[in-house]
Amino acid sequence: MEARHLRYALALAEHQHFGRAAASLGIAQPPLSTQIAALEREVGERLFDRTPRGVFPTAAGEAFLARARSALAEMSRASVDASRAARGETGRLRIGFIGSALLAPLPDVLGRFRRTHPDVRLTLQELDSPAASEALLAGELDVAVGRGSPRGAGAEDLITVPIGADHLVAVVSTAHPFAGRPSVGVDQLAREPLVVSADAAASYLRPLFGADPAVLDGAAIARDIHTIAGLAACCAGVGLGPTRMRLLARNDVWFCDVEPRFRLPDLRMSFRATDSSPVLAAFLAIVRQNCADVGTRLDELLARHPAVAERQPPLGAP
């Protein structure tokens, strides 16, 4: 039994005449009669009464037609669902990110993705950079946004693209002596209690205090930039964080540039090169639109990665 047999039966029930039903289906009457007879043999019941007044469903036919309508509707929905999934309009995307990415660029990216792909299930999890990398490498995330490139077993199978640059700024309470200054020197920071994130203290801030790395050993450790700014506002120390921290809407803190200028590792987005998910492709398209220069760089990385090249059809392939 095929879908066309169901359509034939429904057309016959609607037109109550073999000739009119055949015309509506675009086939000749004899093949329609033959197909309906074959369908009845397969079902094992007479589905239609042939009378001088027309062709009418039997009780068995009514029951069959009800199921046929449902089956064809489900087949239509299945086709629609398959097309939507192929376009990345449904499915799931798991994203891990550091807190500062929520200041920029994630709000615009996620907001636009939500509006254009409302039926995709987004799983969002704030993680520090090492934890996000580990979760991505373990297959627990589809996208990781953090500082620097992921490291560890399997990192060579990832595509990592910069999506934002930052330099270091200091944040202090408006009651702090640094408040009102446009900048503060590293030597001045070394004499202050500091507030930093865990991954900053463990990795990329060490070179800042190269002459006295022990400065960071006594620093207060914060989970994210909001906590850094909050502790600074409480006069718990001078907070150190990325430029985008200036976007925090607080009137109880003051931001100073750090001199000499200290560039932080780029904010980077990573995903598995072997991930051919249409949902991921749709998300990357939104990232391209919202993050300057990402598209060209992403194309270059994808073109060079062997795992991506293996998925590409040979030249001249249909």
C-alpha atoms as a PDB file:
ATOM      1  CA  MET A   1       0.000   0.000   0.000  1.00  0.00           C
ATOM      2  CA  GLU A   2       1.404   3.364  -1.050  1.00  0.00           C
ATOM      3  CA  ALA A   3       0.463   6.973  -0.384  1.00  0.00           C
ATOM      4  CA  ARG A   4      -1.064   7.237  -3.865  1.00  0.00           C
ATOM      5  CA  HIS A   5      -3.548   4.473  -3.006  1.00  0.00           C
ATOM      6  CA  LEU A   6      -4.733   6.551  -0.056  1.00  0.00           C
ATOM      7  CA  ARG A   7      -5.096   9.606  -2.275  1.00  0.00           C
ATOM      8  CA  TYR A   8      -7.039   7.583  -4.848  1.00  0.00           C
ATOM      9  CA  ALA A   9      -9.471   6.361  -2.202  1.00  0.00           C
ATOM     10  CA  LEU A  10      -9.978   9.847  -0.790  1.00  0.00           C
ATOM     11  CA  ALA A  11     -10.562  11.317  -4.251  1.00  0.00           C
ATOM     12  CA  LEU A  12     -13.146   8.642  -5.031  1.00  0.00           C
ATOM     13  CA  ALA A  13     -14.932   9.286  -1.736  1.00  0.00           C
ATOM     14  CA  GLU A  14     -14.999  13.022  -2.489  1.00  0.00           C
ATOM     15  CA  HIS A  15     -16.266  12.816  -6.081  1.00  0.00           C
ATOM     16  CA  GLN A  16     -18.389   9.660  -5.683  1.00  0.00           C
ATOM     17  CA  HIS A  17     -17.666   8.812  -9.312  1.00  0.00           C
ATOM     18  CA  PHE A  18     -14.741   6.980 -10.890  1.00  0.00           C
ATOM     19  CA  GLY A  19     -14.569   9.265 -13.921  1.00  0.00           C
ATOM     20  CA  ARG A  20     -14.632  12.530 -11.953  1.00  0.00           C
ATOM     21  CA  ALA A  21     -12.188  11.161  -9.391  1.00  0.00           C
ATOM     22  CA  ALA A  22      -9.807  10.025 -12.135  1.00  0.00           C
ATOM     23  CA  ALA A  23      -9.970  13.448 -13.791  1.00  0.00           C
ATOM     24  CA  SER A  24      -9.173  15.204 -10.502  1.00  0.00           C
ATOM     25  CA  LEU A  25      -6.151  12.921 -10.087  1.00  0.00           C
ATOM     26  CA  GLY A  26      -4.971  13.395 -13.660  1.00  0.00           C
ATOM     27  CA  ILE A  27      -5.205   9.700 -14.549  1.00  0.00           C
ATOM     28  CA  ALA A  28      -7.507   7.604 -16.697  1.00  0.00           C
ATOM     29  CA  GLN A  29     -10.558   5.888 -15.206  1.00  0.00           C
ATOM     30  CA  PRO A  30      -9.525   2.248 -15.836  1.00  0.00           C
ATOM     31  CA  PRO A  31      -6.263   2.475 -13.858  1.00  0.00           C
ATOM     32  CA  LEU A  32      -8.153   4.108 -10.974  1.00  0.00           C
ATOM     33  CA  SER A  33     -10.714   1.300 -10.938  1.00  0.00           C
ATOM     34  CA  THR A  34      -7.903  -1.245 -11.028  1.00  0.00           C
ATOM     35  CA  GLN A  35      -6.032   0.417  -8.164  1.00  0.00           C
ATOM     36  CA  ILE A  36      -9.137   0.701  -5.947  1.00  0.00           C
ATOM     37  CA  ALA A  37      -9.944  -2.978  -6.554  1.00  0.00           C
ATOM     38  CA  ALA A  38      -6.342  -3.907  -5.673  1.00  0.00           C
ATOM     39  CA  LEU A  39      -6.564  -1.794  -2.518  1.00  0.00           C
ATOM     40  CA  GLU A  40      -9.738  -3.575  -1.434  1.00  0.00           C
ATOM     41  CA  ARG A  41      -8.071  -6.938  -1.971  1.00  0.00           C
ATOM     42  CA  GLU A  42      -5.098  -5.861   0.123  1.00  0.00           C
ATOM     43  CA  VAL A  43      -7.293  -4.538   2.938  1.00  0.00           C
ATOM     44  CA  GLY A  44      -9.538  -7.602   2.689  1.00  0.00           C
ATOM     45  CA  GLU A  45     -12.740  -5.578   2.789  1.00  0.00           C
ATOM     46  CA  ARG A  46     -15.015  -3.859   0.315  1.00  0.00           C
ATOM     47  CA  LEU A  47     -14.368  -0.173   0.763  1.00  0.00           C
ATOM     48  CA  PHE A  48     -16.868   1.273  -1.737  1.00  0.00           C
ATOM     49  CA  ASP A  49     -20.387   0.435  -2.870  1.00  0.00           C
ATOM     50  CA  ARG A  50     -20.770   0.858  -6.616  1.00  0.00           C
ATOM     51  CA  THR A  51     -24.375   1.957  -7.255  1.00  0.00           C
ATOM     52  CA  PRO A  52     -26.224   3.574 -10.188  1.00  0.00           C
ATOM     53  CA  ARG A  53     -26.364   6.765  -8.171  1.00  0.00           C
ATOM     54  CA  GLY A  54     -22.622   6.840  -7.561  1.00  0.00           C
ATOM     55  CA  VAL A  55     -19.763   5.313  -5.577  1.00  0.00           C
ATOM     56  CA  PHE A  56     -20.062   5.550  -1.786  1.00  0.00           C
ATOM     57  CA  PRO A  57     -17.810   4.368   1.084  1.00  0.00           C
ATOM     58  CA  THR A  58     -18.942   1.356   3.043  1.00  0.00           C
ATOM     59  CA  ALA A  59     -18.644   1.251   6.833  1.00  0.00           C
ATOM     60  CA  ALA A  60     -15.221  -0.353   6.358  1.00  0.00           C
ATOM     61  CA  GLY A  61     -14.428   2.346   3.813  1.00  0.00           C
ATOM     62  CA  GLU A  62     -15.337   5.168   6.213  1.00  0.00           C
ATOM     63  CA  ALA A  63     -13.028   3.699   8.847  1.00  0.00           C
ATOM     64  CA  PHE A  64     -10.256   3.272   6.286  1.00  0.00           C
ATOM     65  CA  LEU A  65     -10.662   6.810   4.929  1.00  0.00           C
ATOM     66  CA  ALA A  66     -10.422   8.364   8.397  1.00  0.00           C
ATOM     67  CA  ARG A  67      -7.066   6.670   8.909  1.00  0.00           C
ATOM     68  CA  ALA A  68      -5.988   7.521   5.374  1.00  0.00           C
ATOM     69  CA  ARG A  69      -6.605  11.225   5.975  1.00  0.00           C
ATOM     70  CA  SER A  70      -4.577  11.084   9.183  1.00  0.00           C
ATOM     71  CA  ALA A  71      -1.779   9.143   7.503  1.00  0.00           C
ATOM     72  CA  LEU A  72      -1.496  11.607   4.612  1.00  0.00           C
ATOM     73  CA  ALA A  73      -1.583  14.554   7.024  1.00  0.00           C
ATOM     74  CA  GLU A  74       1.224  12.972   9.052  1.00  0.00           C
ATOM     75  CA  MET A  75       3.240  12.349   5.904  1.00  0.00           C
ATOM     76  CA  SER A  76       2.805  15.983   4.920  1.00  0.00           C
ATOM     77  CA  ARG A  77       3.870  17.144   8.369  1.00  0.00           C
ATOM     78  CA  ALA A  78       6.841  14.770   8.280  1.00  0.00           C
ATOM     79  CA  SER A  79       7.971  16.329   5.006  1.00  0.00           C
ATOM     80  CA  VAL A  80       7.608  19.838   6.429  1.00  0.00           C
ATOM     81  CA  ASP A  81       9.477  18.849   9.600  1.00  0.00           C
ATOM     82  CA  ALA A  82      12.286  17.296   7.575  1.00  0.00           C
ATOM     83  CA  SER A  83      12.639  20.446   5.469  1.00  0.00           C
ATOM     84  CA  ARG A  84      12.676  22.676   8.547  1.00  0.00           C
ATOM     85  CA  ALA A  85      15.294  20.498  10.231  1.00  0.00           C
ATOM     86  CA  ALA A  86      17.445  20.585   7.083  1.00  0.00           C
ATOM     87  CA  ARG A  87      17.287  24.394   7.179  1.00  0.00           C
ATOM     88  CA  GLY A  88      18.293  24.481  10.852  1.00  0.00           C
ATOM     89  CA  GLU A  89      14.895  25.779  11.968  1.00  0.00           C
ATOM     90  CA  THR A  90      14.410  23.005  14.531  1.00  0.00           C
ATOM     91  CA  GLY A  91      16.727  20.963  16.712  1.00  0.00           C
ATOM     92  CA  ARG A  92      19.033  21.794  19.620  1.00  0.00           C
ATOM     93  CA  LEU A  93      22.103  23.947  20.140  1.00  0.00           C
ATOM     94  CA  ARG A  94      24.204  23.800  23.331  1.00  0.00           C
ATOM     95  CA  ILE A  95      26.354  26.869  24.006  1.00  0.00           C
ATOM     96  CA  GLY A  96      28.843  27.424  26.813  1.00  0.00           C
ATOM     97  CA  PHE A  97      30.198  30.934  27.351  1.00  0.00           C
ATOM     98  CA  ILE A  98      32.116  33.189  29.704  1.00  0.00           C
ATOM     99  CA  GLY A  99      30.193  35.977  31.423  1.00  0.00           C
ATOM    100  CA  SER A 100      31.848  38.863  29.578  1.00  0.00           C
ATOM    101  CA  ALA A 101      30.506  37.522  26.274  1.00  0.00           C
ATOM    102  CA  LEU A 102      27.036  38.430  27.532  1.00  0.00           C
ATOM    103  CA  LEU A 103      27.974  42.090  27.267  1.00  0.00           C
ATOM    104  CA  ALA A 104      29.038  41.709  23.629  1.00  0.00           C
ATOM    105  CA  PRO A 105      28.553  40.074  21.190  1.00  0.00           C
ATOM    106  CA  LEU A 106      26.214  37.347  22.531  1.00  0.00           C
ATOM    107  CA  PRO A 107      23.177  39.577  23.273  1.00  0.00           C
ATOM    108  CA  ASP A 108      22.840  40.595  19.613  1.00  0.00           C
ATOM    109  CA  VAL A 109      23.732  37.143  18.295  1.00  0.00           C
ATOM    110  CA  LEU A 110      21.427  35.183  20.603  1.00  0.00           C
ATOM    111  CA  GLY A 111      18.626  37.726  20.294  1.00  0.00           C
ATOM    112  CA  ARG A 112      18.673  37.547  16.513  1.00  0.00           C
ATOM    113  CA  PHE A 113      18.950  33.758  16.525  1.00  0.00           C
ATOM    114  CA  ARG A 114      15.963  33.485  18.871  1.00  0.00           C
ATOM    115  CA  ARG A 115      13.877  35.715  16.619  1.00  0.00           C
ATOM    116  CA  THR A 116      14.753  33.889  13.414  1.00  0.00           C
ATOM    117  CA  HIS A 117      14.834  30.345  14.841  1.00  0.00           C
ATOM    118  CA  PRO A 118      12.214  30.286  17.625  1.00  0.00           C
ATOM    119  CA  ASP A 119      11.769  26.501  17.481  1.00  0.00           C
ATOM    120  CA  VAL A 120      15.425  25.645  18.118  1.00  0.00           C
ATOM    121  CA  ARG A 121      16.014  24.527  21.703  1.00  0.00           C
ATOM    122  CA  LEU A 122      18.895  26.595  23.060  1.00  0.00           C
ATOM    123  CA  THR A 123      20.802  25.240  26.059  1.00  0.00           C
ATOM    124  CA  LEU A 124      22.920  28.041  27.530  1.00  0.00           C
ATOM    125  CA  GLN A 125      25.511  27.555  30.258  1.00  0.00           C
ATOM    126  CA  GLU A 126      27.937  30.060  31.771  1.00  0.00           C
ATOM    127  CA  LEU A 127      31.357  28.473  32.206  1.00  0.00           C
ATOM    128  CA  ASP A 128      34.891  29.746  32.550  1.00  0.00           C
ATOM    129  CA  SER A 129      37.074  29.348  29.472  1.00  0.00           C
ATOM    130  CA  PRO A 130      38.815  26.075  30.473  1.00  0.00           C
ATOM    131  CA  ALA A 131      35.531  24.450  31.532  1.00  0.00           C
ATOM    132  CA  ALA A 132      33.800  25.497  28.300  1.00  0.00           C
ATOM    133  CA  SER A 133      36.683  24.056  26.278  1.00  0.00           C
ATOM    134  CA  GLU A 134      36.589  20.783  28.195  1.00  0.00           C
ATOM    135  CA  ALA A 135      32.823  20.469  27.721  1.00  0.00           C
ATOM    136  CA  LEU A 136      33.151  21.121  23.982  1.00  0.00           C
ATOM    137  CA  LEU A 137      35.933  18.550  23.610  1.00  0.00           C
ATOM    138  CA  ALA A 138      33.849  16.047  25.594  1.00  0.00           C
ATOM    139  CA  GLY A 139      30.893  16.509  23.252  1.00  0.00           C
ATOM    140  CA  GLU A 140      28.754  18.156  25.935  1.00  0.00           C
ATOM    141  CA  LEU A 141      28.566  21.475  24.041  1.00  0.00           C
ATOM    142  CA  ASP A 142      28.142  22.403  20.389  1.00  0.00           C
ATOM    143  CA  VAL A 143      29.700  25.870  20.729  1.00  0.00           C
ATOM    144  CA  ALA A 144      32.120  27.307  23.288  1.00  0.00           C
ATOM    145  CA  VAL A 145      32.855  31.016  23.697  1.00  0.00           C
ATOM    146  CA  GLY A 146      35.863  31.858  25.851  1.00  0.00           C
ATOM    147  CA  ARG A 147      39.271  33.524  26.077  1.00  0.00           C
ATOM    148  CA  GLY A 148      41.916  32.054  23.834  1.00  0.00           C
ATOM    149  CA  SER A 149      41.890  28.770  21.947  1.00  0.00           C
ATOM    150  CA  PRO A 150      40.842  25.457  23.535  1.00  0.00           C
ATOM    151  CA  ARG A 151      43.650  23.104  24.464  1.00  0.00           C
ATOM    152  CA  GLY A 152      43.761  19.414  25.140  1.00  0.00           C
ATOM    153  CA  ALA A 153      43.127  16.102  23.411  1.00  0.00           C
ATOM    154  CA  GLY A 154      40.947  16.685  20.376  1.00  0.00           C
ATOM    155  CA  ALA A 155      41.595  20.429  20.103  1.00  0.00           C
ATOM    156  CA  GLU A 156      43.004  19.873  16.600  1.00  0.00           C
ATOM    157  CA  ASP A 157      39.500  18.829  15.524  1.00  0.00           C
ATOM    158  CA  LEU A 158      38.001  22.194  16.481  1.00  0.00           C
ATOM    159  CA  ILE A 159      37.445  25.339  14.466  1.00  0.00           C
ATOM    160  CA  THR A 160      38.209  28.434  16.559  1.00  0.00           C
ATOM    161  CA  VAL A 161      37.563  31.950  15.300  1.00  0.00           C
ATOM    162  CA  PRO A 162      38.055  35.327  17.064  1.00  0.00           C
ATOM    163  CA  ILE A 163      34.797  37.192  17.658  1.00  0.00           C
ATOM    164  CA  GLY A 164      36.023  40.097  19.794  1.00  0.00           C
ATOM    165  CA  ALA A 165      39.177  41.862  20.994  1.00  0.00           C
ATOM    166  CA  ASP A 166      39.772  43.410  24.433  1.00  0.00           C
ATOM    167  CA  HIS A 167      42.431  45.143  26.439  1.00  0.00           C
ATOM    168  CA  LEU A 168      42.628  45.271  30.221  1.00  0.00           C
ATOM    169  CA  VAL A 169      40.792  47.868  32.290  1.00  0.00           C
ATOM    170  CA  ALA A 170      40.629  48.449  36.028  1.00  0.00           C
ATOM    171  CA  VAL A 171      37.398  49.040  37.924  1.00  0.00           C
ATOM    172  CA  VAL A 172      37.234  50.698  41.344  1.00  0.00           C
ATOM    173  CA  SER A 173      34.701  52.090  43.760  1.00  0.00           C
ATOM    174  CA  THR A 174      33.798  55.735  43.185  1.00  0.00           C
ATOM    175  CA  ALA A 175      35.284  56.280  46.670  1.00  0.00           C
ATOM    176  CA  HIS A 176      38.672  54.828  45.644  1.00  0.00           C
ATOM    177  CA  PRO A 177      41.653  57.175  45.039  1.00  0.00           C
ATOM    178  CA  PHE A 178      41.828  55.915  41.448  1.00  0.00           C
ATOM    179  CA  ALA A 179      38.278  57.111  40.736  1.00  0.00           C
ATOM    180  CA  GLY A 180      38.250  59.974  38.252  1.00  0.00           C
ATOM    181  CA  ARG A 181      41.551  58.996  36.657  1.00  0.00           C
ATOM    182  CA  PRO A 182      41.571  58.040  32.971  1.00  0.00           C
ATOM    183  CA  SER A 183      44.307  55.457  33.516  1.00  0.00           C
ATOM    184  CA  VAL A 184      46.359  53.681  36.147  1.00  0.00           C
ATOM    185  CA  GLY A 185      49.836  52.153  35.913  1.00  0.00           C
ATOM    186  CA  VAL A 186      50.734  48.514  36.436  1.00  0.00           C
ATOM    187  CA  ASP A 187      53.123  49.504  39.236  1.00  0.00           C
ATOM    188  CA  GLN A 188      50.218  51.195  41.021  1.00  0.00           C
ATOM    189  CA  LEU A 189      48.031  48.117  40.595  1.00  0.00           C
ATOM    190  CA  ALA A 190      50.760  45.923  42.100  1.00  0.00           C
ATOM    191  CA  ARG A 191      50.386  47.791  45.389  1.00  0.00           C
ATOM    192  CA  GLU A 192      46.608  47.288  45.562  1.00  0.00           C
ATOM    193  CA  PRO A 193      44.450  44.310  46.549  1.00  0.00           C
ATOM    194  CA  LEU A 194      43.110  42.902  43.305  1.00  0.00           C
ATOM    195  CA  VAL A 195      39.935  41.168  42.132  1.00  0.00           C
ATOM    196  CA  VAL A 196      40.234  38.934  39.046  1.00  0.00           C
ATOM    197  CA  SER A 197      38.559  35.947  37.428  1.00  0.00           C
ATOM    198  CA  ALA A 198      39.956  32.474  38.068  1.00  0.00           C
ATOM    199  CA  ASP A 199      41.173  31.808  34.527  1.00  0.00           C
ATOM    200  CA  ALA A 200      42.725  35.307  34.293  1.00  0.00           C
ATOM    201  CA  ALA A 201      44.708  34.736  37.489  1.00  0.00           C
ATOM    202  CA  ALA A 202      45.823  31.296  36.375  1.00  0.00           C
ATOM    203  CA  SER A 203      46.919  32.206  32.882  1.00  0.00           C
ATOM    204  CA  TYR A 204      46.887  35.403  30.884  1.00  0.00           C
ATOM    205  CA  LEU A 205      47.370  38.023  33.631  1.00  0.00           C
ATOM    206  CA  ARG A 206      50.648  36.519  34.874  1.00  0.00           C
ATOM    207  CA  PRO A 207      52.789  38.401  32.315  1.00  0.00           C
ATOM    208  CA  LEU A 208      51.279  41.711  33.455  1.00  0.00           C
ATOM    209  CA  PHE A 209      53.124  41.433  36.754  1.00  0.00           C
ATOM    210  CA  GLY A 210      56.188  39.675  35.392  1.00  0.00           C
ATOM    211  CA  ALA A 211      58.506  41.310  37.931  1.00  0.00           C
ATOM    212  CA  ASP A 212      56.289  40.289  40.837  1.00  0.00           C
ATOM    213  CA  PRO A 213      53.895  37.467  39.820  1.00  0.00           C
ATOM    214  CA  ALA A 214      53.040  36.857  43.483  1.00  0.00           C
ATOM    215  CA  VAL A 215      50.787  39.925  43.289  1.00  0.00           C
ATOM    216  CA  LEU A 216      48.068  37.691  41.849  1.00  0.00           C
ATOM    217  CA  ASP A 217      48.450  35.022  44.534  1.00  0.00           C
ATOM    218  CA  GLY A 218      46.570  37.158  47.036  1.00  0.00           C
ATOM    219  CA  ALA A 219      43.910  38.374  44.598  1.00  0.00           C
ATOM    220  CA  ALA A 220      40.236  37.814  45.313  1.00  0.00           C
ATOM    221  CA  ILE A 221      38.836  35.354  42.767  1.00  0.00           C
ATOM    222  CA  ALA A 222      35.507  36.190  41.126  1.00  0.00           C
ATOM    223  CA  ARG A 223      33.335  34.003  38.920  1.00  0.00           C
ATOM    224  CA  ASP A 224      32.553  36.662  36.325  1.00  0.00           C
ATOM    225  CA  ILE A 225      32.808  40.349  35.462  1.00  0.00           C
ATOM    226  CA  HIS A 226      29.654  41.215  37.388  1.00  0.00           C
ATOM    227  CA  THR A 227      31.228  39.882  40.574  1.00  0.00           C
ATOM    228  CA  ILE A 228      34.498  41.689  39.788  1.00  0.00           C
ATOM    229  CA  ALA A 229      32.634  44.998  39.482  1.00  0.00           C
ATOM    230  CA  GLY A 230      30.524  44.241  42.555  1.00  0.00           C
ATOM    231  CA  LEU A 231      33.533  43.512  44.752  1.00  0.00           C
ATOM    232  CA  ALA A 232      35.257  46.637  43.440  1.00  0.00           C
ATOM    233  CA  ALA A 233      32.164  48.671  44.358  1.00  0.00           C
ATOM    234  CA  CYS A 234      32.419  47.219  47.876  1.00  0.00           C
ATOM    235  CA  CYS A 235      36.033  48.461  48.113  1.00  0.00           C
ATOM    236  CA  ALA A 236      37.245  44.856  48.275  1.00  0.00           C
ATOM    237  CA  GLY A 237      39.980  45.665  45.766  1.00  0.00           C
ATOM    238  CA  VAL A 238      40.746  46.912  42.297  1.00  0.00           C
ATOM    239  CA  GLY A 239      38.970  44.766  39.732  1.00  0.00           C
ATOM    240  CA  LEU A 240      40.726  43.786  36.517  1.00  0.00           C
ATOM    241  CA  GLY A 241      38.762  42.740  33.477  1.00  0.00           C
ATOM    242  CA  PRO A 242      38.119  43.217  29.750  1.00  0.00           C
ATOM    243  CA  THR A 243      37.227  46.470  28.028  1.00  0.00           C
ATOM    244  CA  ARG A 244      33.660  45.275  27.465  1.00  0.00           C
ATOM    245  CA  MET A 245      33.206  45.462  31.239  1.00  0.00           C
ATOM    246  CA  ARG A 246      32.618  49.182  30.677  1.00  0.00           C
ATOM    247  CA  LEU A 247      29.196  48.229  29.304  1.00  0.00           C
ATOM    248  CA  LEU A 248      28.020  47.346  32.813  1.00  0.00           C
ATOM    249  CA  ALA A 249      25.336  49.818  33.859  1.00  0.00           C
ATOM    250  CA  ARG A 250      26.581  50.757  37.338  1.00  0.00           C
ATOM    251  CA  ASN A 251      26.953  54.220  38.861  1.00  0.00           C
ATOM    252  CA  ASP A 252      28.980  53.088  41.878  1.00  0.00           C
ATOM    253  CA  VAL A 253      32.178  52.179  40.027  1.00  0.00           C
ATOM    254  CA  TRP A 254      34.804  53.914  37.891  1.00  0.00           C
ATOM    255  CA  PHE A 255      36.800  52.417  35.021  1.00  0.00           C
ATOM    256  CA  CYS A 256      40.439  53.215  34.242  1.00  0.00           C
ATOM    257  CA  ASP A 257      42.597  52.106  31.348  1.00  0.00           C
ATOM    258  CA  VAL A 258      45.668  50.134  32.383  1.00  0.00           C
ATOM    259  CA  GLU A 259      49.018  51.580  31.291  1.00  0.00           C
ATOM    260  CA  PRO A 260      50.943  50.288  29.476  1.00  0.00           C
ATOM    261  CA  ARG A 261      48.063  48.947  27.392  1.00  0.00           C
ATOM    262  CA  PHE A 262      47.691  45.215  27.956  1.00  0.00           C
ATOM    263  CA  ARG A 263      45.857  43.205  25.320  1.00  0.00           C
ATOM    264  CA  LEU A 264      43.856  40.253  26.559  1.00  0.00           C
ATOM    265  CA  PRO A 265      43.479  36.989  24.637  1.00  0.00           C
ATOM    266  CA  ASP A 266      40.781  37.378  22.016  1.00  0.00           C
ATOM    267  CA  LEU A 267      37.248  36.304  22.741  1.00  0.00           C
ATOM    268  CA  ARG A 268      36.944  33.184  20.597  1.00  0.00           C
ATOM    269  CA  MET A 269      34.167  30.917  19.437  1.00  0.00           C
ATOM    270  CA  SER A 270      34.929  27.226  18.937  1.00  0.00           C
ATOM    271  CA  PHE A 271      32.989  24.299  17.502  1.00  0.00           C
ATOM    272  CA  ARG A 272      33.761  20.845  16.143  1.00  0.00           C
ATOM    273  CA  ALA A 273      34.907  20.820  12.527  1.00  0.00           C
ATOM    274  CA  THR A 274      33.057  17.539  11.997  1.00  0.00           C
ATOM    275  CA  ASP A 275      29.738  19.000  13.173  1.00  0.00           C
ATOM    276  CA  SER A 276      27.522  19.219  10.078  1.00  0.00           C
ATOM    277  CA  SER A 277      24.390  20.186  12.029  1.00  0.00           C
ATOM    278  CA  PRO A 278      22.112  22.591  10.101  1.00  0.00           C
ATOM    279  CA  VAL A 279      21.352  24.301  13.425  1.00  0.00           C
ATOM    280  CA  LEU A 280      25.040  25.059  13.938  1.00  0.00           C
ATOM    281  CA  ALA A 281      25.267  26.329  10.352  1.00  0.00           C
ATOM    282  CA  ALA A 282      22.301  28.633  10.992  1.00  0.00           C
ATOM    283  CA  PHE A 283      23.914  29.923  14.184  1.00  0.00           C
ATOM    284  CA  LEU A 284      27.211  30.580  12.408  1.00  0.00           C
ATOM    285  CA  ALA A 285      25.327  32.556   9.766  1.00  0.00           C
ATOM    286  CA  ILE A 286      23.973  34.831  12.503  1.00  0.00           C
ATOM    287  CA  VAL A 287      27.469  35.227  13.982  1.00  0.00           C
ATOM    288  CA  ARG A 288      28.757  36.258  10.556  1.00  0.00           C
ATOM    289  CA  GLN A 289      26.119  38.994  10.360  1.00  0.00           C
ATOM    290  CA  ASN A 290      26.802  40.401  13.817  1.00  0.00           C
ATOM    291  CA  CYS A 291      30.568  40.086  14.267  1.00  0.00           C
ATOM    292  CA  ALA A 292      32.773  42.145  11.980  1.00  0.00           C
ATOM    293  CA  ASP A 293      35.378  40.253   9.932  1.00  0.00           C
ATOM    294  CA  VAL A 294      34.298  36.866  11.296  1.00  0.00           C
ATOM    295  CA  GLY A 295      32.873  35.615   7.995  1.00  0.00           C
ATOM    296  CA  THR A 296      36.078  35.859   5.972  1.00  0.00           C
ATOM    297  CA  ARG A 297      38.208  34.402   8.740  1.00  0.00           C
ATOM    298  CA  LEU A 298      35.735  31.578   9.317  1.00  0.00           C
ATOM    299  CA  ASP A 299      35.693  30.704   5.615  1.00  0.00           C
ATOM    300  CA  GLU A 300      39.487  30.543   5.605  1.00  0.00           C
ATOM    301  CA  LEU A 301      39.588  28.238   8.629  1.00  0.00           C
ATOM    302  CA  LEU A 302      36.880  25.963   7.258  1.00  0.00           C
ATOM    303  CA  ALA A 303      38.565  25.736   3.865  1.00  0.00           C
ATOM    304  CA  ARG A 304      41.886  24.698   5.435  1.00  0.00           C
ATOM    305  CA  HIS A 305      40.561  22.116   7.879  1.00  0.00           C
ATOM    306  CA  PRO A 306      40.872  18.536   6.553  1.00  0.00           C
ATOM    307  CA  ALA A 307      37.740  17.328   8.375  1.00  0.00           C
ATOM    308  CA  VAL A 308      35.680  19.956   6.557  1.00  0.00           C
ATOM    309  CA  ALA A 309      37.334  19.273   3.210  1.00  0.00           C
ATOM    310  CA  GLU A 310      36.374  15.598   3.473  1.00  0.00           C
ATOM    311  CA  ARG A 311      32.701  16.590   3.669  1.00  0.00           C
ATOM    312  CA  GLN A 312      32.853  18.738   0.523  1.00  0.00           C
ATOM    313  CA  PRO A 313      31.706  17.085  -2.746  1.00  0.00           C
ATOM    314  CA  PRO A 314      34.341  16.753  -5.480  1.00  0.00           C
ATOM    315  CA  LEU A 315      34.399  19.375  -8.191  1.00  0.00           C
ATOM    316  CA  GLY A 316      31.709  18.700 -10.778  1.00  0.00           C
ATOM    317  CA  ALA A 317      29.669  16.531  -8.401  1.00  0.00           C
ATOM    318  CA  PRO A 318      25.911  17.134  -8.423  1.00  0.00           C
END
